[in-house]
Amino acid sequence: MGNSIQILPSDKIDLVKWNMCIEQSSNALIYADYFYLTNQCDHWAGLIIGDYKTIMPLPWRKKWGIKYLYAPAFIQQLGIFGDLSNLHLQQILNKIKEFAKFGDLFFNYENMAILSEITTQQKTNFILNLNQPYPSIKARYTSDLLKNLQKSEKRKLKYTNNLSVEDAITQFQIQYQSRIPHYNEHTFKKLNTTCIELAKHHKCFIRTVSTQESNDSISTALLLTHKKRIYLLLNTTNSIGRSFAANHYLLDQIIQEFCEEDLVLDFEGSERKGIKEFYESFQPEIQPYFQFTYNNLPFLINWARGIFK
């Protein structure tokens, strides 16, 4: 097969070879796992170079008979995995543009070097190296974060894992769905199915904070784990939790629990000012990813911007 480039529908992909390529990649991400893609995407195909030497997931939808690439819910970045050497990006993009006439591609953090030929928008992601003693991590916390931790410690909060996946997702919906109306009930049902299955394989877990007076969660984290990365997929704090600085306490407790392990905590980043500043208070490393948008229908460009949402 050499270095031929092909695009296969997901049901024609060799699941074992696909996942083996991801697992052996230095930039392995859970978002590109065959099971995760199949559960989270409406449809997806795989661009494959050679005998699964290099791969790239392509989530797609169709509207008015036109196929386009999109960013599925709870998949932050995809891009190219496997052998990244000697790639011809324009050949890859030409193949993709034959497959879908319009779309958004979110290339992962290790794809930066191969993107020099095109214009991309840098997106924010933060990671924290946990393979160090907790005092070393805490020594870099901002003064504002330390003040909030002092505030939460006075409340004698409880750090537990006594919440189900379903309840954690429901709490997130209650608190934040009004901010993300394009995430409908079906979106969260798919996520629930995905996370329950991942939890069976110890790849999804919950951590919560509650008060001394009640076992009701006031701050919750739903986390995924894959290889050497812990993903902060959902993070929910109610009004009581905000007044108690419970989310500061929750993330600090997660850091204490997993410090000195060969792991990174992936905050998943945010372009929202308040969330971004909160994550920055932990002094994480910036690990950007990259958005590339193309439209091969120039005569419909303004119209397409409106319908492909």
C-alpha atoms as a PDB file:
ATOM      1  CA  MET A   1       0.000   0.000   0.000  1.00  0.00           C
ATOM      2  CA  GLY A   2       3.027   2.290   0.451  1.00  0.00           C
ATOM      3  CA  ASN A   3       2.165   5.848   1.388  1.00  0.00           C
ATOM      4  CA  SER A   4      -1.174   5.971  -0.429  1.00  0.00           C
ATOM      5  CA  ILE A   5      -3.828   8.224   1.071  1.00  0.00           C
ATOM      6  CA  GLN A   6      -7.372   6.927   1.426  1.00  0.00           C
ATOM      7  CA  ILE A   7     -10.469   7.988   3.313  1.00  0.00           C
ATOM      8  CA  LEU A   8     -12.630   5.191   4.689  1.00  0.00           C
ATOM      9  CA  PRO A   9     -16.030   5.348   6.412  1.00  0.00           C
ATOM     10  CA  SER A  10     -15.773   4.396  10.065  1.00  0.00           C
ATOM     11  CA  ASP A  11     -17.430   0.997   9.574  1.00  0.00           C
ATOM     12  CA  LYS A  12     -14.753   0.030   7.018  1.00  0.00           C
ATOM     13  CA  ILE A  13     -11.816   0.954   9.266  1.00  0.00           C
ATOM     14  CA  ASP A  14      -9.702  -1.752  10.890  1.00  0.00           C
ATOM     15  CA  LEU A  15     -10.458  -0.979  14.546  1.00  0.00           C
ATOM     16  CA  VAL A  16      -7.383  -2.793  15.867  1.00  0.00           C
ATOM     17  CA  LYS A  17      -4.939  -1.077  13.500  1.00  0.00           C
ATOM     18  CA  TRP A  18      -6.579   2.305  14.092  1.00  0.00           C
ATOM     19  CA  ASN A  19      -6.339   2.112  17.861  1.00  0.00           C
ATOM     20  CA  MET A  20      -2.829   0.673  17.707  1.00  0.00           C
ATOM     21  CA  CYS A  21      -1.714   3.713  15.696  1.00  0.00           C
ATOM     22  CA  ILE A  22      -3.257   6.014  18.310  1.00  0.00           C
ATOM     23  CA  GLU A  23      -1.766   4.093  21.238  1.00  0.00           C
ATOM     24  CA  GLN A  24       1.720   4.202  19.724  1.00  0.00           C
ATOM     25  CA  SER A  25       1.531   7.915  18.853  1.00  0.00           C
ATOM     26  CA  SER A  26       3.505  10.376  20.945  1.00  0.00           C
ATOM     27  CA  ASN A  27       0.447  12.655  20.736  1.00  0.00           C
ATOM     28  CA  ALA A  28      -2.155  10.019  21.619  1.00  0.00           C
ATOM     29  CA  LEU A  29      -5.495  11.531  22.656  1.00  0.00           C
ATOM     30  CA  ILE A  30      -8.637   9.802  23.867  1.00  0.00           C
ATOM     31  CA  TYR A  31     -10.704  11.869  21.421  1.00  0.00           C
ATOM     32  CA  ALA A  32      -9.213   9.858  18.512  1.00  0.00           C
ATOM     33  CA  ASP A  33      -9.971   6.430  20.037  1.00  0.00           C
ATOM     34  CA  TYR A  34     -12.263   4.423  17.731  1.00  0.00           C
ATOM     35  CA  PHE A  35     -14.893   3.848  20.421  1.00  0.00           C
ATOM     36  CA  TYR A  36     -14.911   7.472  21.556  1.00  0.00           C
ATOM     37  CA  LEU A  37     -15.248   8.781  18.005  1.00  0.00           C
ATOM     38  CA  THR A  38     -18.022   6.340  17.138  1.00  0.00           C
ATOM     39  CA  ASN A  39     -20.028   7.306  20.214  1.00  0.00           C
ATOM     40  CA  GLN A  40     -19.511  11.071  20.044  1.00  0.00           C
ATOM     41  CA  CYS A  41     -19.722  11.786  16.313  1.00  0.00           C
ATOM     42  CA  ASP A  42     -22.847  11.841  14.167  1.00  0.00           C
ATOM     43  CA  HIS A  43     -20.677  10.327  11.438  1.00  0.00           C
ATOM     44  CA  TRP A  44     -16.951  10.026  10.960  1.00  0.00           C
ATOM     45  CA  ALA A  45     -14.420   8.768   8.457  1.00  0.00           C
ATOM     46  CA  GLY A  46     -10.710   8.128   8.724  1.00  0.00           C
ATOM     47  CA  LEU A  47      -7.944   9.446   6.514  1.00  0.00           C
ATOM     48  CA  ILE A  48      -5.322   6.700   6.416  1.00  0.00           C
ATOM     49  CA  ILE A  49      -1.812   6.857   5.005  1.00  0.00           C
ATOM     50  CA  GLY A  50      -0.173   3.553   4.159  1.00  0.00           C
ATOM     51  CA  ASP A  51      -1.091   0.617   6.371  1.00  0.00           C
ATOM     52  CA  TYR A  52      -2.356   2.825   9.231  1.00  0.00           C
ATOM     53  CA  LYS A  53       1.079   4.420   9.473  1.00  0.00           C
ATOM     54  CA  THR A  54      -0.561   7.839   9.834  1.00  0.00           C
ATOM     55  CA  ILE A  55      -4.239   8.541  10.490  1.00  0.00           C
ATOM     56  CA  MET A  56      -6.628  11.459  10.864  1.00  0.00           C
ATOM     57  CA  PRO A  57     -10.255  11.310  12.080  1.00  0.00           C
ATOM     58  CA  LEU A  58     -12.787  13.307  10.059  1.00  0.00           C
ATOM     59  CA  PRO A  59     -16.116  13.883  11.850  1.00  0.00           C
ATOM     60  CA  TRP A  60     -18.789  14.894   9.324  1.00  0.00           C
ATOM     61  CA  ARG A  61     -22.386  15.885   8.876  1.00  0.00           C
ATOM     62  CA  LYS A  62     -24.530  16.594   5.847  1.00  0.00           C
ATOM     63  CA  LYS A  63     -26.928  19.476   5.257  1.00  0.00           C
ATOM     64  CA  TRP A  64     -28.889  20.161   2.097  1.00  0.00           C
ATOM     65  CA  GLY A  65     -26.951  17.330   0.494  1.00  0.00           C
ATOM     66  CA  ILE A  66     -23.568  18.928   1.219  1.00  0.00           C
ATOM     67  CA  LYS A  67     -21.064  17.071   3.393  1.00  0.00           C
ATOM     68  CA  TYR A  68     -19.050  19.183   5.842  1.00  0.00           C
ATOM     69  CA  LEU A  69     -16.586  18.597   8.679  1.00  0.00           C
ATOM     70  CA  TYR A  70     -17.486  19.753  12.174  1.00  0.00           C
ATOM     71  CA  ALA A  71     -16.279  19.758  15.778  1.00  0.00           C
ATOM     72  CA  PRO A  72     -18.266  17.156  17.770  1.00  0.00           C
ATOM     73  CA  ALA A  73     -19.279  17.905  21.341  1.00  0.00           C
ATOM     74  CA  PHE A  74     -16.653  16.953  23.918  1.00  0.00           C
ATOM     75  CA  ILE A  75     -13.916  16.450  21.329  1.00  0.00           C
ATOM     76  CA  GLN A  76     -11.501  19.332  21.701  1.00  0.00           C
ATOM     77  CA  GLN A  77      -8.830  18.450  19.134  1.00  0.00           C
ATOM     78  CA  LEU A  78      -8.076  15.736  16.617  1.00  0.00           C
ATOM     79  CA  GLY A  79      -5.723  16.239  13.685  1.00  0.00           C
ATOM     80  CA  ILE A  80      -2.978  13.884  12.554  1.00  0.00           C
ATOM     81  CA  PHE A  81      -1.611  10.937  14.570  1.00  0.00           C
ATOM     82  CA  GLY A  82       1.058   8.321  14.033  1.00  0.00           C
ATOM     83  CA  ASP A  83       4.155   8.931  11.945  1.00  0.00           C
ATOM     84  CA  LEU A  84       4.311  12.702  11.395  1.00  0.00           C
ATOM     85  CA  SER A  85       7.537  12.675   9.389  1.00  0.00           C
ATOM     86  CA  ASN A  86       7.684  13.394   5.652  1.00  0.00           C
ATOM     87  CA  LEU A  87       4.027  14.380   5.425  1.00  0.00           C
ATOM     88  CA  HIS A  88       2.755  16.442   2.498  1.00  0.00           C
ATOM     89  CA  LEU A  89       0.056  18.583   4.077  1.00  0.00           C
ATOM     90  CA  GLN A  90      -1.349  19.925   0.810  1.00  0.00           C
ATOM     91  CA  GLN A  91      -1.871  16.383  -0.479  1.00  0.00           C
ATOM     92  CA  ILE A  92      -3.711  15.536   2.721  1.00  0.00           C
ATOM     93  CA  LEU A  93      -5.844  18.688   2.536  1.00  0.00           C
ATOM     94  CA  ASN A  94      -6.636  18.108  -1.147  1.00  0.00           C
ATOM     95  CA  LYS A  95      -7.906  14.641  -0.273  1.00  0.00           C
ATOM     96  CA  ILE A  96      -9.987  16.049   2.579  1.00  0.00           C
ATOM     97  CA  LYS A  97     -11.472  18.773   0.367  1.00  0.00           C
ATOM     98  CA  GLU A  98     -12.552  16.107  -2.127  1.00  0.00           C
ATOM     99  CA  PHE A  99     -14.333  14.346   0.726  1.00  0.00           C
ATOM    100  CA  ALA A 100     -16.036  17.423   2.239  1.00  0.00           C
ATOM    101  CA  LYS A 101     -16.414  20.817   0.591  1.00  0.00           C
ATOM    102  CA  PHE A 102     -16.481  22.868   3.778  1.00  0.00           C
ATOM    103  CA  GLY A 103     -15.341  22.423   7.325  1.00  0.00           C
ATOM    104  CA  ASP A 104     -13.424  23.035  10.504  1.00  0.00           C
ATOM    105  CA  LEU A 105     -10.378  20.956  11.377  1.00  0.00           C
ATOM    106  CA  PHE A 106      -8.868  21.095  14.858  1.00  0.00           C
ATOM    107  CA  PHE A 107      -5.259  19.930  14.654  1.00  0.00           C
ATOM    108  CA  ASN A 108      -3.637  18.683  17.856  1.00  0.00           C
ATOM    109  CA  TYR A 109      -0.730  20.200  19.733  1.00  0.00           C
ATOM    110  CA  GLU A 110       1.950  18.117  18.001  1.00  0.00           C
ATOM    111  CA  ASN A 111       0.795  19.100  14.515  1.00  0.00           C
ATOM    112  CA  MET A 112       2.196  22.637  14.755  1.00  0.00           C
ATOM    113  CA  ALA A 113       5.331  21.901  12.727  1.00  0.00           C
ATOM    114  CA  ILE A 114       3.401  20.572   9.725  1.00  0.00           C
ATOM    115  CA  LEU A 115       0.928  23.478   9.606  1.00  0.00           C
ATOM    116  CA  SER A 116       3.360  26.185   8.466  1.00  0.00           C
ATOM    117  CA  GLU A 117       1.933  26.146   4.925  1.00  0.00           C
ATOM    118  CA  ILE A 118      -1.573  27.176   5.989  1.00  0.00           C
ATOM    119  CA  THR A 119      -3.221  29.842   8.128  1.00  0.00           C
ATOM    120  CA  THR A 120      -4.643  28.546  11.378  1.00  0.00           C
ATOM    121  CA  GLN A 121      -6.144  30.032  14.506  1.00  0.00           C
ATOM    122  CA  GLN A 122      -4.351  29.083  17.718  1.00  0.00           C
ATOM    123  CA  LYS A 123      -6.670  27.811  20.457  1.00  0.00           C
ATOM    124  CA  THR A 124      -5.919  27.658  24.169  1.00  0.00           C
ATOM    125  CA  ASN A 125      -5.296  24.513  26.152  1.00  0.00           C
ATOM    126  CA  PHE A 126      -3.543  24.092  29.512  1.00  0.00           C
ATOM    127  CA  ILE A 127      -1.780  21.073  30.977  1.00  0.00           C
ATOM    128  CA  LEU A 128      -0.120  20.569  34.346  1.00  0.00           C
ATOM    129  CA  ASN A 129       2.706  18.082  34.861  1.00  0.00           C
ATOM    130  CA  LEU A 130       1.750  15.980  37.878  1.00  0.00           C
ATOM    131  CA  ASN A 131       5.013  14.047  38.050  1.00  0.00           C
ATOM    132  CA  GLN A 132       6.420  16.202  40.840  1.00  0.00           C
ATOM    133  CA  PRO A 133       5.868  16.670  44.593  1.00  0.00           C
ATOM    134  CA  TYR A 134       2.750  18.570  45.572  1.00  0.00           C
ATOM    135  CA  PRO A 135       4.709  21.341  47.402  1.00  0.00           C
ATOM    136  CA  SER A 136       6.532  22.083  44.145  1.00  0.00           C
ATOM    137  CA  ILE A 137       3.239  22.435  42.292  1.00  0.00           C
ATOM    138  CA  LYS A 138       1.617  24.534  45.016  1.00  0.00           C
ATOM    139  CA  ALA A 139       4.638  26.857  45.199  1.00  0.00           C
ATOM    140  CA  ARG A 140       3.673  28.147  41.732  1.00  0.00           C
ATOM    141  CA  TYR A 141       0.027  28.837  42.560  1.00  0.00           C
ATOM    142  CA  THR A 142      -0.971  32.487  42.229  1.00  0.00           C
ATOM    143  CA  SER A 143      -1.707  34.505  45.367  1.00  0.00           C
ATOM    144  CA  ASP A 144      -5.370  34.691  44.357  1.00  0.00           C
ATOM    145  CA  LEU A 145      -5.622  30.905  44.184  1.00  0.00           C
ATOM    146  CA  LEU A 146      -3.928  30.514  47.575  1.00  0.00           C
ATOM    147  CA  LYS A 147      -6.392  32.974  49.118  1.00  0.00           C
ATOM    148  CA  ASN A 148      -9.322  31.030  47.708  1.00  0.00           C
ATOM    149  CA  LEU A 149      -7.884  27.767  49.039  1.00  0.00           C
ATOM    150  CA  GLN A 150      -7.600  29.311  52.488  1.00  0.00           C
ATOM    151  CA  LYS A 151     -11.232  30.370  52.164  1.00  0.00           C
ATOM    152  CA  SER A 152     -12.364  26.869  51.178  1.00  0.00           C
ATOM    153  CA  GLU A 153     -10.319  25.193  53.908  1.00  0.00           C
ATOM    154  CA  LYS A 154     -12.144  27.237  56.554  1.00  0.00           C
ATOM    155  CA  ARG A 155     -15.366  25.612  55.336  1.00  0.00           C
ATOM    156  CA  LYS A 156     -13.972  22.113  56.055  1.00  0.00           C
ATOM    157  CA  LEU A 157     -15.194  20.764  52.724  1.00  0.00           C
ATOM    158  CA  LYS A 158     -15.274  17.049  51.892  1.00  0.00           C
ATOM    159  CA  TYR A 159     -13.543  15.557  48.846  1.00  0.00           C
ATOM    160  CA  THR A 160     -15.269  12.365  47.685  1.00  0.00           C
ATOM    161  CA  ASN A 161     -16.057  10.128  44.715  1.00  0.00           C
ATOM    162  CA  ASN A 162     -19.645   9.258  45.640  1.00  0.00           C
ATOM    163  CA  LEU A 163     -21.438  10.536  42.523  1.00  0.00           C
ATOM    164  CA  SER A 164     -22.525   8.586  39.449  1.00  0.00           C
ATOM    165  CA  VAL A 165     -21.650   9.479  35.878  1.00  0.00           C
ATOM    166  CA  GLU A 166     -25.321  10.173  35.167  1.00  0.00           C
ATOM    167  CA  ASP A 167     -25.623  12.582  38.115  1.00  0.00           C
ATOM    168  CA  ALA A 168     -22.400  14.391  37.204  1.00  0.00           C
ATOM    169  CA  ILE A 169     -23.634  14.984  33.642  1.00  0.00           C
ATOM    170  CA  THR A 170     -27.073  16.049  34.885  1.00  0.00           C
ATOM    171  CA  GLN A 171     -25.488  18.594  37.235  1.00  0.00           C
ATOM    172  CA  PHE A 172     -23.504  20.039  34.335  1.00  0.00           C
ATOM    173  CA  GLN A 173     -26.674  20.308  32.238  1.00  0.00           C
ATOM    174  CA  ILE A 174     -28.550  22.094  35.001  1.00  0.00           C
ATOM    175  CA  GLN A 175     -25.801  24.639  35.566  1.00  0.00           C
ATOM    176  CA  TYR A 176     -24.549  25.340  32.056  1.00  0.00           C
ATOM    177  CA  GLN A 177     -26.819  24.142  29.248  1.00  0.00           C
ATOM    178  CA  SER A 178     -28.275  27.646  28.839  1.00  0.00           C
ATOM    179  CA  ARG A 179     -24.759  28.795  27.848  1.00  0.00           C
ATOM    180  CA  ILE A 180     -24.417  26.048  25.234  1.00  0.00           C
ATOM    181  CA  PRO A 181     -27.915  25.704  23.689  1.00  0.00           C
ATOM    182  CA  HIS A 182     -26.476  23.829  20.678  1.00  0.00           C
ATOM    183  CA  TYR A 183     -25.761  20.948  23.081  1.00  0.00           C
ATOM    184  CA  ASN A 184     -29.196  19.345  23.229  1.00  0.00           C
ATOM    185  CA  GLU A 185     -30.574  16.417  25.217  1.00  0.00           C
ATOM    186  CA  HIS A 186     -29.290  13.953  22.629  1.00  0.00           C
ATOM    187  CA  THR A 187     -25.767  15.384  23.013  1.00  0.00           C
ATOM    188  CA  PHE A 188     -25.753  14.603  26.725  1.00  0.00           C
ATOM    189  CA  LYS A 189     -27.329  11.179  26.277  1.00  0.00           C
ATOM    190  CA  LYS A 190     -24.494  10.235  23.937  1.00  0.00           C
ATOM    191  CA  LEU A 191     -21.931  11.505  26.431  1.00  0.00           C
ATOM    192  CA  ASN A 192     -23.619   9.558  29.220  1.00  0.00           C
ATOM    193  CA  THR A 193     -23.428   6.330  27.200  1.00  0.00           C
ATOM    194  CA  THR A 194     -19.785   6.988  26.345  1.00  0.00           C
ATOM    195  CA  CYS A 195     -18.705   7.747  29.908  1.00  0.00           C
ATOM    196  CA  ILE A 196     -20.562   4.819  31.480  1.00  0.00           C
ATOM    197  CA  GLU A 197     -18.756   2.465  29.109  1.00  0.00           C
ATOM    198  CA  LEU A 198     -15.393   4.156  29.743  1.00  0.00           C
ATOM    199  CA  ALA A 199     -15.968   3.889  33.505  1.00  0.00           C
ATOM    200  CA  LYS A 200     -16.275   0.109  33.137  1.00  0.00           C
ATOM    201  CA  HIS A 201     -12.704   0.139  31.862  1.00  0.00           C
ATOM    202  CA  HIS A 202     -11.461   2.600  34.508  1.00  0.00           C
ATOM    203  CA  LYS A 203     -11.149   5.398  31.947  1.00  0.00           C
ATOM    204  CA  CYS A 204     -13.759   7.702  33.462  1.00  0.00           C
ATOM    205  CA  PHE A 205     -14.145   8.753  37.089  1.00  0.00           C
ATOM    206  CA  ILE A 206     -15.850  11.394  39.214  1.00  0.00           C
ATOM    207  CA  ARG A 207     -14.572  13.581  42.021  1.00  0.00           C
ATOM    208  CA  THR A 208     -16.829  15.860  44.062  1.00  0.00           C
ATOM    209  CA  VAL A 209     -16.777  18.347  46.891  1.00  0.00           C
ATOM    210  CA  SER A 210     -19.570  18.682  49.442  1.00  0.00           C
ATOM    211  CA  THR A 211     -20.065  20.527  52.722  1.00  0.00           C
ATOM    212  CA  GLN A 212     -19.758  19.018  56.196  1.00  0.00           C
ATOM    213  CA  GLU A 213     -23.495  19.479  56.685  1.00  0.00           C
ATOM    214  CA  SER A 214     -24.607  17.691  53.522  1.00  0.00           C
ATOM    215  CA  ASN A 215     -23.475  15.061  51.053  1.00  0.00           C
ATOM    216  CA  ASP A 216     -24.885  17.085  48.169  1.00  0.00           C
ATOM    217  CA  SER A 217     -22.214  17.985  45.666  1.00  0.00           C
ATOM    218  CA  ILE A 218     -21.395  21.681  45.320  1.00  0.00           C
ATOM    219  CA  SER A 219     -18.539  21.156  42.860  1.00  0.00           C
ATOM    220  CA  THR A 220     -17.968  18.199  40.543  1.00  0.00           C
ATOM    221  CA  ALA A 221     -15.375  17.024  38.055  1.00  0.00           C
ATOM    222  CA  LEU A 222     -15.982  14.318  35.477  1.00  0.00           C
ATOM    223  CA  LEU A 223     -12.566  13.162  34.300  1.00  0.00           C
ATOM    224  CA  LEU A 224     -11.343  10.843  31.590  1.00  0.00           C
ATOM    225  CA  THR A 225      -8.017   9.064  31.626  1.00  0.00           C
ATOM    226  CA  HIS A 226      -6.072   7.701  28.705  1.00  0.00           C
ATOM    227  CA  LYS A 227      -2.421   6.734  28.646  1.00  0.00           C
ATOM    228  CA  LYS A 228      -0.618   9.451  30.655  1.00  0.00           C
ATOM    229  CA  ARG A 229      -3.286  12.151  30.542  1.00  0.00           C
ATOM    230  CA  ILE A 230      -6.207  13.014  32.819  1.00  0.00           C
ATOM    231  CA  TYR A 231      -8.858  15.108  31.054  1.00  0.00           C
ATOM    232  CA  LEU A 232     -11.058  17.543  32.953  1.00  0.00           C
ATOM    233  CA  LEU A 233     -14.008  16.908  30.660  1.00  0.00           C
ATOM    234  CA  LEU A 234     -16.816  18.421  32.755  1.00  0.00           C
ATOM    235  CA  ASN A 235     -16.403  20.778  35.685  1.00  0.00           C
ATOM    236  CA  THR A 236     -19.522  21.968  37.489  1.00  0.00           C
ATOM    237  CA  THR A 237     -19.919  24.311  40.452  1.00  0.00           C
ATOM    238  CA  ASN A 238     -23.225  25.603  41.812  1.00  0.00           C
ATOM    239  CA  SER A 239     -23.865  28.936  43.555  1.00  0.00           C
ATOM    240  CA  ILE A 240     -23.032  27.559  47.025  1.00  0.00           C
ATOM    241  CA  GLY A 241     -19.822  26.052  45.666  1.00  0.00           C
ATOM    242  CA  ARG A 242     -18.804  29.362  44.130  1.00  0.00           C
ATOM    243  CA  SER A 243     -19.304  31.181  47.415  1.00  0.00           C
ATOM    244  CA  PHE A 244     -17.135  28.550  49.164  1.00  0.00           C
ATOM    245  CA  ALA A 245     -14.391  28.520  46.464  1.00  0.00           C
ATOM    246  CA  ALA A 246     -15.206  24.808  46.158  1.00  0.00           C
ATOM    247  CA  ASN A 247     -13.879  24.428  42.629  1.00  0.00           C
ATOM    248  CA  HIS A 248     -10.474  25.774  43.650  1.00  0.00           C
ATOM    249  CA  TYR A 249     -10.483  23.202  46.437  1.00  0.00           C
ATOM    250  CA  LEU A 250     -11.667  20.403  44.109  1.00  0.00           C
ATOM    251  CA  LEU A 251      -8.921  20.852  41.529  1.00  0.00           C
ATOM    252  CA  ASP A 252      -6.286  21.252  44.230  1.00  0.00           C
ATOM    253  CA  GLN A 253      -7.433  17.966  45.776  1.00  0.00           C
ATOM    254  CA  ILE A 254      -7.262  16.217  42.395  1.00  0.00           C
ATOM    255  CA  ILE A 255      -3.714  17.511  42.007  1.00  0.00           C
ATOM    256  CA  GLN A 256      -2.807  16.233  45.475  1.00  0.00           C
ATOM    257  CA  GLU A 257      -4.341  12.833  44.717  1.00  0.00           C
ATOM    258  CA  PHE A 258      -2.393  12.267  41.501  1.00  0.00           C
ATOM    259  CA  CYS A 259       0.832  14.190  42.087  1.00  0.00           C
ATOM    260  CA  GLU A 260       4.121  12.302  41.736  1.00  0.00           C
ATOM    261  CA  GLU A 261       2.535  10.042  39.106  1.00  0.00           C
ATOM    262  CA  ASP A 262       3.675  10.050  35.494  1.00  0.00           C
ATOM    263  CA  LEU A 263       0.600  11.973  34.360  1.00  0.00           C
ATOM    264  CA  VAL A 264      -0.474  15.346  33.068  1.00  0.00           C
ATOM    265  CA  LEU A 265      -3.709  17.051  34.033  1.00  0.00           C
ATOM    266  CA  ASP A 266      -5.404  18.406  30.916  1.00  0.00           C
ATOM    267  CA  PHE A 267      -7.619  21.334  31.896  1.00  0.00           C
ATOM    268  CA  GLU A 268      -9.017  21.337  28.331  1.00  0.00           C
ATOM    269  CA  GLY A 269      -8.480  25.094  28.179  1.00  0.00           C
ATOM    270  CA  SER A 270     -11.022  27.767  27.379  1.00  0.00           C
ATOM    271  CA  GLU A 271     -11.299  30.979  25.400  1.00  0.00           C
ATOM    272  CA  ARG A 272     -13.748  32.347  28.016  1.00  0.00           C
ATOM    273  CA  LYS A 273     -11.937  34.985  30.059  1.00  0.00           C
ATOM    274  CA  GLY A 274     -13.088  33.909  33.526  1.00  0.00           C
ATOM    275  CA  ILE A 275     -12.439  30.195  32.988  1.00  0.00           C
ATOM    276  CA  LYS A 276      -9.097  30.876  31.348  1.00  0.00           C
ATOM    277  CA  GLU A 277      -7.945  33.047  34.269  1.00  0.00           C
ATOM    278  CA  PHE A 278      -9.080  30.402  36.758  1.00  0.00           C
ATOM    279  CA  TYR A 279      -7.003  27.691  35.067  1.00  0.00           C
ATOM    280  CA  GLU A 280      -4.056  30.061  34.730  1.00  0.00           C
ATOM    281  CA  SER A 281      -4.035  30.496  38.504  1.00  0.00           C
ATOM    282  CA  PHE A 282      -2.619  26.944  38.750  1.00  0.00           C
ATOM    283  CA  GLN A 283       0.294  28.072  36.550  1.00  0.00           C
ATOM    284  CA  PRO A 284      -0.088  25.304  33.982  1.00  0.00           C
ATOM    285  CA  GLU A 285       1.796  24.985  30.720  1.00  0.00           C
ATOM    286  CA  ILE A 286       0.135  26.338  27.583  1.00  0.00           C
ATOM    287  CA  GLN A 287      -0.249  23.552  25.022  1.00  0.00           C
ATOM    288  CA  PRO A 288      -2.117  25.094  22.089  1.00  0.00           C
ATOM    289  CA  TYR A 289      -4.027  23.370  19.325  1.00  0.00           C
ATOM    290  CA  PHE A 290      -4.987  24.806  15.945  1.00  0.00           C
ATOM    291  CA  GLN A 291      -8.192  25.455  14.021  1.00  0.00           C
ATOM    292  CA  PHE A 292      -8.191  25.406  10.217  1.00  0.00           C
ATOM    293  CA  THR A 293     -11.363  26.452   8.419  1.00  0.00           C
ATOM    294  CA  TYR A 294     -11.833  26.030   4.695  1.00  0.00           C
ATOM    295  CA  ASN A 295     -14.684  26.622   2.245  1.00  0.00           C
ATOM    296  CA  ASN A 296     -14.470  25.096  -1.214  1.00  0.00           C
ATOM    297  CA  LEU A 297     -17.745  26.730  -2.227  1.00  0.00           C
ATOM    298  CA  PRO A 298     -16.659  30.373  -2.706  1.00  0.00           C
ATOM    299  CA  PHE A 299     -19.892  31.409  -4.380  1.00  0.00           C
ATOM    300  CA  LEU A 300     -21.778  30.237  -1.295  1.00  0.00           C
ATOM    301  CA  ILE A 301     -19.339  31.398   1.362  1.00  0.00           C
ATOM    302  CA  ASN A 302     -21.636  33.838   3.167  1.00  0.00           C
ATOM    303  CA  TRP A 303     -24.592  31.487   2.945  1.00  0.00           C
ATOM    304  CA  ALA A 304     -22.497  28.562   4.187  1.00  0.00           C
ATOM    305  CA  ARG A 305     -21.384  30.495   7.264  1.00  0.00           C
ATOM    306  CA  GLY A 306     -25.051  30.660   8.247  1.00  0.00           C
ATOM    307  CA  ILE A 307     -26.237  27.106   7.612  1.00  0.00           C
ATOM    308  CA  PHE A 308     -23.298  24.980   8.731  1.00  0.00           C
ATOM    309  CA  LYS A 309     -23.751  25.337  12.465  1.00  0.00           C
END
